[in-house]
């Protein structure tokens, strides 16, 4: 099975969505342990992609393709895990979305995929998410983190408005707010009262895990 796990690992490093899907389906036919295939094959791969990206060997296109590959494999294997009632180690629950007025998707999707691959339960709200929906979903889902992305200076103010609405709804103190996106910064996060700031997807995972003491 070790050789098979290596193939899963390589499919993510190569950013091959098709190969990742094919291997995920093959693992079901071969009746391999789905949890082992996910954690020791595909997730190990995306962790390596993150490392290569940090050291400058990989660039944004490789990170995007690697994230897509692991996301595709997880979509095939997740129903099997649920069917067998197998739980992956849960690092916390996250809602994530691009704020109201902003339709940029790629960065947010990579962060969501990376968090999911590292054991977080992720609810992706999509793009152009109204402020009150962040609050509503945070209440309904009883989340640990609210993550907001903004790629425009004209929409980043909505990150501040969501934090204000979370406080009005009296749930602000029960969760951590993480912000990110091109015009944002550590200073911006501090200014609007966010708990966390991440410059990129790899950083987002590190920051979220550090909060949980992992």
N, C-alpha and C. Protein backbone atom coordinates (compact mmCIF):
# COMPACT_ATOMS: atom_id res chain seq x y z
N UNK A 1 0.83 -1.22 0.00
CA UNK A 1 0.00 0.00 0.00
C UNK A 1 0.87 1.27 0.00
N UNK A 2 2.09 1.15 0.51
CA UNK A 2 2.97 2.31 0.59
C UNK A 2 3.23 2.93 -0.79
N UNK A 3 3.36 2.06 -1.78
CA UNK A 3 3.58 2.51 -3.15
C UNK A 3 2.36 3.30 -3.65
N UNK A 4 1.18 2.85 -3.26
CA UNK A 4 -0.06 3.51 -3.66
C UNK A 4 -0.14 4.90 -3.01
N UNK A 5 0.20 4.97 -1.72
CA UNK A 5 0.17 6.25 -1.00
C UNK A 5 1.14 7.24 -1.63
N UNK A 6 2.26 6.73 -2.10
CA UNK A 6 3.27 7.56 -2.76
C UNK A 6 2.69 8.16 -4.05
N UNK A 7 1.89 7.36 -4.77
CA UNK A 7 1.26 7.85 -6.00
C UNK A 7 0.27 8.98 -5.69
N UNK A 8 -0.47 8.82 -4.59
CA UNK A 8 -1.43 9.85 -4.16
C UNK A 8 -0.67 11.14 -3.83
N UNK A 9 0.41 10.99 -3.10
CA UNK A 9 1.28 12.10 -2.72
C UNK A 9 1.79 12.82 -3.97
N UNK A 10 2.28 12.06 -4.94
CA UNK A 10 2.84 12.62 -6.17
C UNK A 10 1.78 13.32 -7.01
N UNK A 11 0.55 12.80 -7.00
CA UNK A 11 -0.51 13.42 -7.80
C UNK A 11 -0.78 14.85 -7.34
N UNK A 12 -0.64 15.08 -6.04
CA UNK A 12 -0.85 16.44 -5.50
C UNK A 12 0.35 17.32 -5.83
N UNK A 13 1.55 16.76 -5.70
CA UNK A 13 2.76 17.51 -6.05
C UNK A 13 2.76 17.93 -7.51
N UNK A 14 2.22 17.04 -8.36
CA UNK A 14 2.14 17.34 -9.80
C UNK A 14 0.94 18.22 -10.14
N UNK A 15 0.04 18.40 -9.17
CA UNK A 15 -1.14 19.22 -9.40
C UNK A 15 -2.09 18.60 -10.39
N UNK A 16 -2.15 17.25 -10.40
CA UNK A 16 -3.01 16.56 -11.36
C UNK A 16 -4.35 16.17 -10.72
N UNK A 17 -5.35 16.98 -11.00
CA UNK A 17 -6.70 16.74 -10.48
C UNK A 17 -7.24 15.40 -10.98
N UNK A 18 -7.01 15.12 -12.27
CA UNK A 18 -7.51 13.88 -12.88
C UNK A 18 -6.90 12.65 -12.22
N UNK A 19 -5.58 12.71 -12.00
CA UNK A 19 -4.87 11.57 -11.39
C UNK A 19 -5.33 11.37 -9.95
N UNK A 20 -5.52 12.48 -9.23
CA UNK A 20 -5.96 12.40 -7.83
C UNK A 20 -7.34 11.73 -7.74
N UNK A 21 -8.25 12.11 -8.63
CA UNK A 21 -9.59 11.51 -8.65
C UNK A 21 -9.50 10.02 -8.98
N UNK A 22 -8.69 9.70 -9.97
CA UNK A 22 -8.52 8.31 -10.41
C UNK A 22 -7.98 7.44 -9.26
N UNK A 23 -6.99 7.97 -8.53
CA UNK A 23 -6.40 7.22 -7.41
C UNK A 23 -7.38 7.09 -6.25
N UNK A 24 -8.14 8.16 -5.99
CA UNK A 24 -9.15 8.10 -4.91
C UNK A 24 -10.18 7.02 -5.22
N UNK A 25 -10.63 6.96 -6.47
CA UNK A 25 -11.61 5.94 -6.88
C UNK A 25 -11.00 4.54 -6.81
N UNK A 26 -9.74 4.44 -7.23
CA UNK A 26 -9.05 3.14 -7.20
C UNK A 26 -8.90 2.64 -5.76
N UNK A 27 -8.64 3.56 -4.82
CA UNK A 27 -8.47 3.16 -3.42
C UNK A 27 -9.76 2.56 -2.85
N UNK A 28 -10.90 3.05 -3.36
CA UNK A 28 -12.20 2.51 -2.92
C UNK A 28 -12.37 1.08 -3.46
N UNK A 29 -12.04 0.91 -4.75
CA UNK A 29 -12.14 -0.41 -5.38
C UNK A 29 -11.21 -1.43 -4.70
N UNK A 30 -10.03 -0.96 -4.30
CA UNK A 30 -9.06 -1.84 -3.65
C UNK A 30 -9.34 -2.01 -2.15
N UNK A 31 -10.35 -1.29 -1.67
CA UNK A 31 -10.78 -1.34 -0.27
C UNK A 31 -9.66 -0.95 0.71
N UNK A 32 -8.89 0.04 0.29
CA UNK A 32 -7.86 0.57 1.19
C UNK A 32 -8.54 1.44 2.25
N UNK A 33 -7.86 1.58 3.39
CA UNK A 33 -8.36 2.42 4.48
C UNK A 33 -8.46 3.86 3.98
N UNK A 34 -9.69 4.41 3.85
CA UNK A 34 -9.83 5.76 3.27
C UNK A 34 -9.15 6.85 4.09
N UNK A 35 -9.13 6.69 5.41
CA UNK A 35 -8.50 7.68 6.28
C UNK A 35 -6.99 7.72 6.04
N UNK A 36 -6.41 6.52 5.86
CA UNK A 36 -4.97 6.43 5.60
C UNK A 36 -4.64 7.04 4.24
N UNK A 37 -5.49 6.77 3.26
CA UNK A 37 -5.28 7.30 1.91
C UNK A 37 -5.33 8.84 1.93
N UNK A 38 -6.30 9.37 2.68
CA UNK A 38 -6.43 10.83 2.78
C UNK A 38 -5.23 11.44 3.51
N UNK A 39 -4.97 10.95 4.71
CA UNK A 39 -3.95 11.59 5.55
C UNK A 39 -2.51 11.30 5.14
N UNK A 40 -2.25 10.06 4.74
CA UNK A 40 -0.86 9.69 4.43
C UNK A 40 -0.54 9.77 2.94
N UNK A 41 -1.56 10.07 2.14
CA UNK A 41 -1.34 10.25 0.71
C UNK A 41 -1.58 11.68 0.29
N UNK A 42 -2.85 12.05 0.17
CA UNK A 42 -3.20 13.36 -0.37
C UNK A 42 -2.85 14.53 0.55
N UNK A 43 -3.16 14.41 1.84
CA UNK A 43 -2.88 15.52 2.76
C UNK A 43 -1.37 15.70 2.94
N UNK A 44 -0.66 14.60 2.99
CA UNK A 44 0.81 14.67 3.05
C UNK A 44 1.34 15.44 1.83
N UNK A 45 0.68 15.22 0.69
CA UNK A 45 1.06 15.90 -0.54
C UNK A 45 0.86 17.40 -0.46
N UNK A 46 -0.29 17.84 0.04
CA UNK A 46 -0.57 19.28 0.08
C UNK A 46 0.31 19.96 1.13
N UNK A 47 0.67 19.24 2.17
CA UNK A 47 1.60 19.81 3.16
C UNK A 47 2.96 20.06 2.51
N UNK A 48 3.39 19.12 1.68
CA UNK A 48 4.67 19.27 0.97
C UNK A 48 4.60 20.42 -0.03
N UNK A 49 3.46 20.54 -0.73
CA UNK A 49 3.27 21.65 -1.67
C UNK A 49 3.42 22.98 -0.92
N UNK A 50 2.82 23.05 0.27
CA UNK A 50 2.92 24.26 1.10
C UNK A 50 4.36 24.57 1.47
N UNK A 51 5.11 23.55 1.82
CA UNK A 51 6.53 23.72 2.17
C UNK A 51 7.33 24.23 0.97
N UNK A 52 7.08 23.61 -0.20
CA UNK A 52 7.80 24.01 -1.42
C UNK A 52 7.45 25.43 -1.83
N UNK A 53 6.19 25.82 -1.59
CA UNK A 53 5.75 27.18 -1.89
C UNK A 53 6.45 28.19 -0.97
N UNK A 54 6.54 27.84 0.31
CA UNK A 54 7.19 28.73 1.28
C UNK A 54 8.66 28.94 0.97
N UNK A 55 9.33 27.88 0.50
CA UNK A 55 10.77 28.01 0.23
C UNK A 55 11.06 28.59 -1.16
N UNK A 56 9.99 28.84 -1.93
CA UNK A 56 10.16 29.50 -3.23
C UNK A 56 10.41 28.55 -4.39
N UNK A 57 10.27 27.24 -4.15
CA UNK A 57 10.44 26.26 -5.23
C UNK A 57 9.17 26.19 -6.08
N UNK A 58 8.02 26.28 -5.41
CA UNK A 58 6.72 26.31 -6.08
C UNK A 58 6.19 27.74 -6.04
N UNK A 59 5.31 28.05 -7.01
CA UNK A 59 4.71 29.37 -7.06
C UNK A 59 3.18 29.23 -7.00
N UNK A 60 2.47 30.35 -7.11
CA UNK A 60 1.02 30.33 -6.95
C UNK A 60 0.31 29.31 -7.85
N UNK A 61 0.67 29.18 -9.14
CA UNK A 61 -0.02 28.19 -9.98
C UNK A 61 0.09 26.76 -9.43
N UNK A 62 1.28 26.40 -8.92
CA UNK A 62 1.47 25.05 -8.36
C UNK A 62 0.63 24.87 -7.08
N UNK A 63 0.55 25.94 -6.30
CA UNK A 63 -0.25 25.88 -5.06
C UNK A 63 -1.73 25.71 -5.40
N UNK A 64 -2.19 26.44 -6.40
CA UNK A 64 -3.60 26.34 -6.84
C UNK A 64 -3.90 24.94 -7.35
N UNK A 65 -3.02 24.41 -8.22
CA UNK A 65 -3.25 23.07 -8.79
C UNK A 65 -3.18 21.98 -7.72
N UNK A 66 -2.25 22.11 -6.78
CA UNK A 66 -2.14 21.14 -5.69
C UNK A 66 -3.39 21.14 -4.83
N UNK A 67 -3.88 22.34 -4.52
CA UNK A 67 -5.10 22.47 -3.72
C UNK A 67 -6.30 21.87 -4.44
N UNK A 68 -6.38 22.09 -5.76
CA UNK A 68 -7.48 21.53 -6.55
C UNK A 68 -7.42 20.00 -6.57
N UNK A 69 -6.21 19.47 -6.67
CA UNK A 69 -6.04 18.01 -6.70
C UNK A 69 -6.51 17.38 -5.40
N UNK A 70 -6.08 17.94 -4.28
CA UNK A 70 -6.47 17.35 -2.99
C UNK A 70 -7.96 17.56 -2.72
N UNK A 71 -8.50 18.69 -3.15
CA UNK A 71 -9.93 18.96 -2.98
C UNK A 71 -10.76 17.93 -3.76
N UNK A 72 -10.32 17.61 -4.96
CA UNK A 72 -11.02 16.62 -5.80
C UNK A 72 -10.98 15.23 -5.18
N UNK A 73 -9.80 14.85 -4.66
CA UNK A 73 -9.67 13.54 -4.02
C UNK A 73 -10.55 13.44 -2.77
N UNK A 74 -10.57 14.52 -1.99
CA UNK A 74 -11.40 14.53 -0.77
C UNK A 74 -12.88 14.43 -1.11
N UNK A 75 -13.29 15.04 -2.22
CA UNK A 75 -14.71 14.98 -2.60
C UNK A 75 -15.14 13.55 -2.94
N UNK A 76 -14.18 12.74 -3.43
CA UNK A 76 -14.47 11.33 -3.74
C UNK A 76 -14.49 10.50 -2.45
N UNK A 77 -13.55 10.78 -1.55
CA UNK A 77 -13.39 9.93 -0.36
C UNK A 77 -14.24 10.34 0.84
N UNK A 78 -14.67 11.60 0.87
CA UNK A 78 -15.46 12.07 2.01
C UNK A 78 -16.74 11.25 2.23
N UNK A 79 -17.50 10.94 1.16
CA UNK A 79 -18.72 10.13 1.38
C UNK A 79 -18.41 8.74 1.96
N UNK A 80 -17.27 8.17 1.59
CA UNK A 80 -16.88 6.85 2.12
C UNK A 80 -16.56 6.95 3.60
N UNK A 81 -15.87 8.02 3.98
CA UNK A 81 -15.56 8.24 5.40
C UNK A 81 -16.84 8.40 6.20
N UNK A 82 -17.79 9.16 5.66
CA UNK A 82 -19.06 9.38 6.35
C UNK A 82 -19.86 8.08 6.44
N UNK A 83 -19.88 7.34 5.34
CA UNK A 83 -20.61 6.08 5.27
C UNK A 83 -20.10 5.08 6.32
N UNK A 84 -18.79 5.08 6.50
CA UNK A 84 -18.19 4.16 7.47
C UNK A 84 -18.07 4.80 8.86
N UNK A 85 -18.60 6.03 8.95
CA UNK A 85 -18.56 6.77 10.22
C UNK A 85 -17.14 6.93 10.74
N UNK A 86 -16.22 7.19 9.82
CA UNK A 86 -14.82 7.40 10.19
C UNK A 86 -14.59 8.91 10.31
N UNK A 87 -14.11 9.32 11.45
CA UNK A 87 -13.88 10.74 11.67
C UNK A 87 -12.40 11.08 11.53
N UNK A 88 -12.12 12.06 10.69
CA UNK A 88 -10.76 12.60 10.66
C UNK A 88 -10.59 13.48 11.89
N UNK A 89 -9.36 13.65 12.32
CA UNK A 89 -9.08 14.51 13.47
C UNK A 89 -9.60 15.91 13.16
N UNK A 90 -10.48 16.42 14.01
CA UNK A 90 -11.10 17.73 13.76
C UNK A 90 -10.34 18.82 14.49
N UNK A 91 -9.82 19.77 13.72
CA UNK A 91 -9.06 20.87 14.31
C UNK A 91 -9.93 22.08 14.63
N UNK A 92 -11.22 22.01 14.33
CA UNK A 92 -12.08 23.15 14.58
C UNK A 92 -12.98 23.40 13.39
N UNK A 93 -14.00 24.22 13.60
CA UNK A 93 -14.97 24.50 12.54
C UNK A 93 -14.82 25.94 12.06
N UNK A 94 -14.86 26.10 10.74
CA UNK A 94 -14.58 27.38 10.10
C UNK A 94 -15.69 27.74 9.11
N UNK A 95 -16.10 29.01 9.11
CA UNK A 95 -16.86 29.50 7.95
C UNK A 95 -15.95 30.50 7.24
N UNK A 96 -15.98 30.45 5.93
CA UNK A 96 -15.10 31.30 5.14
C UNK A 96 -15.85 31.86 3.94
N UNK A 97 -15.54 33.08 3.58
CA UNK A 97 -16.18 33.66 2.40
C UNK A 97 -15.49 34.95 2.00
N UNK A 98 -15.73 35.37 0.76
CA UNK A 98 -15.27 36.66 0.27
C UNK A 98 -16.38 37.67 0.57
N UNK A 99 -16.01 38.81 1.11
CA UNK A 99 -17.01 39.75 1.63
C UNK A 99 -17.91 40.36 0.55
N UNK A 100 -18.98 40.97 1.03
CA UNK A 100 -19.99 41.59 0.16
C UNK A 100 -19.36 42.58 -0.82
N UNK A 101 -19.77 42.47 -2.09
CA UNK A 101 -19.29 43.38 -3.12
C UNK A 101 -18.03 42.88 -3.83
N UNK A 102 -17.49 41.77 -3.37
CA UNK A 102 -16.23 41.25 -3.91
C UNK A 102 -16.46 39.83 -4.45
N UNK A 103 -16.10 39.60 -5.71
CA UNK A 103 -16.36 38.28 -6.31
C UNK A 103 -15.07 37.49 -6.56
N UNK A 104 -13.97 37.90 -5.94
CA UNK A 104 -12.71 37.16 -6.10
C UNK A 104 -12.79 35.83 -5.34
N UNK A 105 -12.42 34.78 -6.02
CA UNK A 105 -12.67 33.44 -5.49
C UNK A 105 -11.41 32.61 -5.22
N UNK A 106 -10.37 32.78 -6.04
CA UNK A 106 -9.25 31.84 -6.01
C UNK A 106 -8.55 31.77 -4.65
N UNK A 107 -8.16 32.93 -4.11
CA UNK A 107 -7.46 32.94 -2.82
C UNK A 107 -8.27 32.32 -1.71
N UNK A 108 -9.54 32.70 -1.65
CA UNK A 108 -10.43 32.18 -0.61
C UNK A 108 -10.59 30.67 -0.73
N UNK A 109 -10.71 30.18 -1.96
CA UNK A 109 -10.90 28.75 -2.18
C UNK A 109 -9.65 27.95 -1.80
N UNK A 110 -8.47 28.52 -2.08
CA UNK A 110 -7.23 27.83 -1.70
C UNK A 110 -7.14 27.74 -0.18
N UNK A 111 -7.46 28.84 0.51
CA UNK A 111 -7.43 28.83 1.99
C UNK A 111 -8.41 27.77 2.52
N UNK A 112 -9.62 27.75 1.97
CA UNK A 112 -10.63 26.77 2.41
C UNK A 112 -10.14 25.35 2.20
N UNK A 113 -9.54 25.08 1.05
CA UNK A 113 -9.04 23.74 0.75
C UNK A 113 -7.90 23.34 1.67
N UNK A 114 -6.97 24.26 1.90
CA UNK A 114 -5.83 23.98 2.77
C UNK A 114 -6.29 23.72 4.21
N UNK A 115 -7.24 24.50 4.69
CA UNK A 115 -7.76 24.29 6.04
C UNK A 115 -8.45 22.93 6.14
N UNK A 116 -9.25 22.61 5.13
CA UNK A 116 -9.94 21.31 5.10
C UNK A 116 -8.94 20.16 5.09
N UNK A 117 -7.90 20.29 4.27
CA UNK A 117 -6.89 19.24 4.17
C UNK A 117 -6.17 19.03 5.50
N UNK A 118 -6.07 20.10 6.29
CA UNK A 118 -5.37 20.01 7.57
C UNK A 118 -6.31 19.71 8.74
N UNK A 119 -7.51 19.22 8.42
CA UNK A 119 -8.38 18.70 9.48
C UNK A 119 -9.45 19.64 9.98
N UNK A 120 -9.58 20.82 9.41
CA UNK A 120 -10.65 21.73 9.83
C UNK A 120 -11.93 21.38 9.09
N UNK A 121 -13.05 21.53 9.77
CA UNK A 121 -14.35 21.39 9.10
C UNK A 121 -14.68 22.76 8.53
N UNK A 122 -14.79 22.84 7.21
CA UNK A 122 -14.92 24.13 6.54
C UNK A 122 -16.28 24.28 5.86
N UNK A 123 -16.94 25.39 6.16
CA UNK A 123 -18.18 25.75 5.46
C UNK A 123 -17.84 26.95 4.59
N UNK A 124 -17.81 26.74 3.28
CA UNK A 124 -17.44 27.80 2.33
C UNK A 124 -18.70 28.52 1.88
N UNK A 125 -18.80 29.79 2.23
CA UNK A 125 -20.00 30.58 1.90
C UNK A 125 -19.94 31.18 0.50
N UNK A 126 -18.78 31.04 -0.16
CA UNK A 126 -18.65 31.56 -1.52
C UNK A 126 -18.17 33.00 -1.56
N UNK A 127 -18.61 33.73 -2.59
CA UNK A 127 -18.17 35.12 -2.78
C UNK A 127 -19.35 36.08 -2.65
N UNK A 128 -19.03 37.38 -2.51
CA UNK A 128 -20.05 38.42 -2.39
C UNK A 128 -21.05 38.06 -1.28
N UNK A 129 -20.50 37.68 -0.13
CA UNK A 129 -21.35 37.21 0.99
C UNK A 129 -21.84 38.42 1.80
N UNK A 130 -23.16 38.61 1.89
CA UNK A 130 -23.69 39.71 2.70
C UNK A 130 -23.20 39.62 4.15
N UNK A 131 -22.99 40.77 4.76
CA UNK A 131 -22.46 40.81 6.13
C UNK A 131 -23.28 39.98 7.10
N UNK A 132 -24.61 40.09 6.99
CA UNK A 132 -25.46 39.40 7.96
C UNK A 132 -25.41 37.88 7.79
N UNK A 133 -25.02 37.41 6.60
CA UNK A 133 -24.92 35.96 6.39
C UNK A 133 -23.75 35.37 7.17
N UNK A 134 -22.63 36.11 7.23
CA UNK A 134 -21.51 35.66 8.07
C UNK A 134 -21.98 35.45 9.51
N UNK A 135 -22.75 36.41 10.00
CA UNK A 135 -23.24 36.35 11.38
C UNK A 135 -24.23 35.21 11.56
N UNK A 136 -25.17 35.13 10.64
CA UNK A 136 -26.20 34.08 10.69
C UNK A 136 -25.58 32.68 10.68
N UNK A 137 -24.63 32.46 9.77
CA UNK A 137 -24.00 31.15 9.65
C UNK A 137 -23.10 30.84 10.85
N UNK A 138 -22.44 31.87 11.37
CA UNK A 138 -21.60 31.66 12.56
C UNK A 138 -22.45 31.19 13.74
N UNK A 139 -23.65 31.74 13.83
CA UNK A 139 -24.59 31.33 14.90
C UNK A 139 -25.07 29.90 14.68
N UNK A 140 -25.57 29.66 13.47
CA UNK A 140 -26.14 28.35 13.13
C UNK A 140 -25.13 27.22 13.26
N UNK A 141 -23.93 27.47 12.75
CA UNK A 141 -22.92 26.41 12.65
C UNK A 141 -22.07 26.26 13.92
N UNK A 142 -22.21 27.22 14.85
CA UNK A 142 -21.41 27.20 16.10
C UNK A 142 -19.93 27.02 15.77
N UNK A 143 -19.39 27.97 15.03
CA UNK A 143 -18.03 27.84 14.51
C UNK A 143 -16.97 28.35 15.50
N UNK A 144 -15.75 27.92 15.24
CA UNK A 144 -14.60 28.39 16.02
C UNK A 144 -13.93 29.58 15.35
N UNK A 145 -14.03 29.63 14.00
CA UNK A 145 -13.39 30.69 13.24
C UNK A 145 -14.33 31.26 12.18
N UNK A 146 -14.27 32.58 12.01
CA UNK A 146 -14.90 33.25 10.86
C UNK A 146 -13.75 33.83 10.05
N UNK A 147 -13.62 33.38 8.80
CA UNK A 147 -12.53 33.83 7.93
C UNK A 147 -13.09 34.65 6.78
N UNK A 148 -12.56 35.85 6.61
CA UNK A 148 -13.08 36.74 5.57
C UNK A 148 -11.96 37.19 4.64
N UNK A 149 -12.23 37.11 3.34
CA UNK A 149 -11.27 37.54 2.33
C UNK A 149 -11.82 38.77 1.61
N UNK A 150 -10.90 39.67 1.28
CA UNK A 150 -11.27 40.83 0.47
C UNK A 150 -10.09 41.16 -0.43
N UNK A 151 -10.37 41.34 -1.72
CA UNK A 151 -9.30 41.64 -2.68
C UNK A 151 -9.35 43.08 -3.15
N UNK A 152 -10.32 43.84 -2.66
CA UNK A 152 -10.49 45.22 -3.11
C UNK A 152 -10.49 46.17 -1.92
N UNK A 153 -9.86 47.33 -2.10
CA UNK A 153 -9.87 48.34 -1.03
C UNK A 153 -11.28 48.85 -0.78
N UNK A 154 -12.11 48.78 -1.82
CA UNK A 154 -13.49 49.28 -1.69
C UNK A 154 -14.39 48.33 -0.90
N UNK A 155 -13.98 47.08 -0.75
CA UNK A 155 -14.84 46.12 -0.03
C UNK A 155 -14.27 45.70 1.32
N UNK A 156 -13.00 46.02 1.58
CA UNK A 156 -12.38 45.53 2.81
C UNK A 156 -13.08 46.07 4.07
N UNK A 157 -13.75 47.21 3.94
CA UNK A 157 -14.46 47.78 5.07
C UNK A 157 -15.55 46.84 5.59
N UNK A 158 -16.04 45.97 4.71
CA UNK A 158 -17.07 45.02 5.13
C UNK A 158 -16.54 44.02 6.16
N UNK A 159 -15.23 43.79 6.16
CA UNK A 159 -14.65 42.93 7.20
C UNK A 159 -14.91 43.55 8.58
N UNK A 160 -14.72 44.87 8.66
CA UNK A 160 -14.95 45.59 9.92
C UNK A 160 -16.43 45.54 10.31
N UNK A 161 -17.30 45.69 9.30
CA UNK A 161 -18.74 45.69 9.57
C UNK A 161 -19.23 44.33 10.09
N UNK A 162 -18.67 43.25 9.53
CA UNK A 162 -19.05 41.91 10.01
C UNK A 162 -18.64 41.74 11.48
N UNK A 163 -17.45 42.21 11.82
CA UNK A 163 -16.99 42.10 13.22
C UNK A 163 -17.93 42.87 14.15
N UNK A 164 -18.35 44.05 13.70
CA UNK A 164 -19.31 44.85 14.49
C UNK A 164 -20.62 44.09 14.68
N UNK A 165 -21.10 43.45 13.61
CA UNK A 165 -22.37 42.71 13.68
C UNK A 165 -22.25 41.46 14.54
N UNK A 166 -21.07 40.84 14.52
CA UNK A 166 -20.85 39.67 15.40
C UNK A 166 -20.93 40.10 16.86
N UNK A 167 -20.40 41.29 17.15
CA UNK A 167 -20.44 41.82 18.52
C UNK A 167 -21.88 42.14 18.93
N UNK A 168 -22.63 42.75 18.01
CA UNK A 168 -24.05 43.07 18.29
C UNK A 168 -24.86 41.81 18.55
N UNK A 169 -24.51 40.74 17.84
CA UNK A 169 -25.23 39.46 18.00
C UNK A 169 -24.76 38.69 19.24
N UNK A 170 -23.79 39.30 19.95
CA UNK A 170 -23.25 38.72 21.19
C UNK A 170 -22.59 37.34 20.99
N UNK A 171 -21.97 37.15 19.84
CA UNK A 171 -21.24 35.89 19.61
C UNK A 171 -19.76 36.14 19.30
N UNK A 172 -19.38 37.42 19.31
CA UNK A 172 -18.00 37.76 18.94
C UNK A 172 -16.96 37.08 19.84
N UNK A 173 -17.25 37.06 21.13
CA UNK A 173 -16.25 36.51 22.07
C UNK A 173 -16.13 34.99 22.01
N UNK A 174 -17.08 34.35 21.32
CA UNK A 174 -17.06 32.88 21.26
C UNK A 174 -16.23 32.34 20.10
N UNK A 175 -15.70 33.22 19.27
CA UNK A 175 -14.97 32.75 18.09
C UNK A 175 -13.80 33.66 17.75
N UNK A 176 -12.97 33.18 16.84
CA UNK A 176 -11.83 33.96 16.37
C UNK A 176 -12.12 34.43 14.94
N UNK A 177 -11.78 35.66 14.66
CA UNK A 177 -11.97 36.21 13.31
C UNK A 177 -10.61 36.33 12.63
N UNK A 178 -10.51 35.75 11.43
CA UNK A 178 -9.29 35.87 10.63
C UNK A 178 -9.61 36.63 9.35
N UNK A 179 -8.76 37.59 9.00
CA UNK A 179 -8.95 38.33 7.76
C UNK A 179 -7.73 38.16 6.86
N UNK A 180 -7.96 38.32 5.57
CA UNK A 180 -6.88 38.21 4.60
C UNK A 180 -7.31 38.81 3.28
N UNK A 181 -6.38 38.83 2.32
CA UNK A 181 -6.64 39.43 1.02
C UNK A 181 -5.62 40.51 0.72
N UNK A 182 -5.43 40.80 -0.55
CA UNK A 182 -4.37 41.70 -1.01
C UNK A 182 -4.27 43.05 -0.27
N UNK A 183 -5.39 43.77 -0.05
CA UNK A 183 -5.23 45.09 0.58
C UNK A 183 -5.14 45.05 2.10
N UNK A 184 -5.30 43.87 2.70
CA UNK A 184 -5.31 43.77 4.16
C UNK A 184 -3.89 43.59 4.70
N UNK A 185 -3.76 43.75 6.01
CA UNK A 185 -2.45 43.64 6.66
C UNK A 185 -2.65 43.34 8.14
N UNK A 186 -1.56 43.09 8.82
CA UNK A 186 -1.61 42.87 10.26
C UNK A 186 -2.17 44.13 10.95
N UNK A 187 -1.75 45.28 10.45
CA UNK A 187 -2.20 46.55 11.03
C UNK A 187 -3.72 46.74 10.83
N UNK A 188 -4.19 46.36 9.63
CA UNK A 188 -5.62 46.46 9.34
C UNK A 188 -6.41 45.54 10.27
N UNK A 189 -5.92 44.34 10.45
CA UNK A 189 -6.59 43.37 11.34
C UNK A 189 -6.71 43.94 12.74
N UNK A 190 -5.64 44.53 13.21
CA UNK A 190 -5.63 45.12 14.57
C UNK A 190 -6.61 46.29 14.65
N UNK A 191 -6.60 47.11 13.59
CA UNK A 191 -7.46 48.30 13.55
C UNK A 191 -8.94 47.95 13.64
N UNK A 192 -9.36 46.87 12.98
CA UNK A 192 -10.80 46.52 12.96
C UNK A 192 -11.19 45.52 14.04
N UNK A 193 -10.21 45.08 14.85
CA UNK A 193 -10.53 44.18 15.95
C UNK A 193 -10.58 42.71 15.58
N UNK A 194 -9.93 42.35 14.45
CA UNK A 194 -9.83 40.93 14.09
C UNK A 194 -8.77 40.28 14.97
N UNK A 195 -8.93 38.99 15.23
CA UNK A 195 -7.97 38.27 16.07
C UNK A 195 -6.73 37.87 15.29
N UNK A 196 -6.94 37.53 14.01
CA UNK A 196 -5.87 36.90 13.24
C UNK A 196 -5.79 37.49 11.84
N UNK A 197 -4.58 37.46 11.30
CA UNK A 197 -4.36 37.88 9.92
C UNK A 197 -3.47 36.85 9.25
N UNK A 198 -3.78 36.53 8.00
CA UNK A 198 -2.94 35.61 7.24
C UNK A 198 -2.68 36.20 5.87
N UNK A 199 -1.43 36.18 5.48
CA UNK A 199 -1.04 36.75 4.19
C UNK A 199 -1.36 35.80 3.04
N UNK A 200 -1.41 34.49 3.34
CA UNK A 200 -1.65 33.48 2.30
C UNK A 200 -2.23 32.22 2.93
N UNK A 201 -2.51 31.22 2.09
CA UNK A 201 -3.18 30.00 2.55
C UNK A 201 -2.33 29.19 3.52
N UNK A 202 -1.03 29.10 3.25
CA UNK A 202 -0.15 28.33 4.13
C UNK A 202 -0.10 28.99 5.51
N UNK A 203 -0.01 30.32 5.51
CA UNK A 203 0.01 31.09 6.76
C UNK A 203 -1.31 30.93 7.51
N UNK A 204 -2.43 30.88 6.79
CA UNK A 204 -3.74 30.75 7.41
C UNK A 204 -3.83 29.46 8.24
N UNK A 205 -3.30 28.38 7.68
CA UNK A 205 -3.31 27.09 8.40
C UNK A 205 -2.46 27.19 9.67
N UNK A 206 -1.28 27.76 9.54
CA UNK A 206 -0.37 27.90 10.69
C UNK A 206 -0.99 28.74 11.80
N UNK A 207 -1.58 29.87 11.39
CA UNK A 207 -2.19 30.79 12.36
C UNK A 207 -3.36 30.13 13.08
N UNK A 208 -4.22 29.46 12.31
CA UNK A 208 -5.39 28.79 12.91
C UNK A 208 -4.95 27.69 13.87
N UNK A 209 -3.96 26.92 13.48
CA UNK A 209 -3.48 25.83 14.32
C UNK A 209 -2.79 26.35 15.57
N UNK A 210 -2.11 27.48 15.46
CA UNK A 210 -1.41 28.04 16.62
C UNK A 210 -2.40 28.46 17.70
N UNK A 211 -3.56 28.97 17.28
CA UNK A 211 -4.61 29.36 18.21
C UNK A 211 -5.10 28.15 19.01
N UNK A 212 -5.14 27.01 18.32
CA UNK A 212 -5.63 25.78 18.97
C UNK A 212 -4.51 25.06 19.71
N UNK A 213 -3.32 25.63 19.67
CA UNK A 213 -2.18 25.01 20.38
C UNK A 213 -1.65 23.78 19.68
N UNK A 214 -1.88 23.69 18.36
CA UNK A 214 -1.39 22.52 17.61
C UNK A 214 -0.05 22.82 16.97
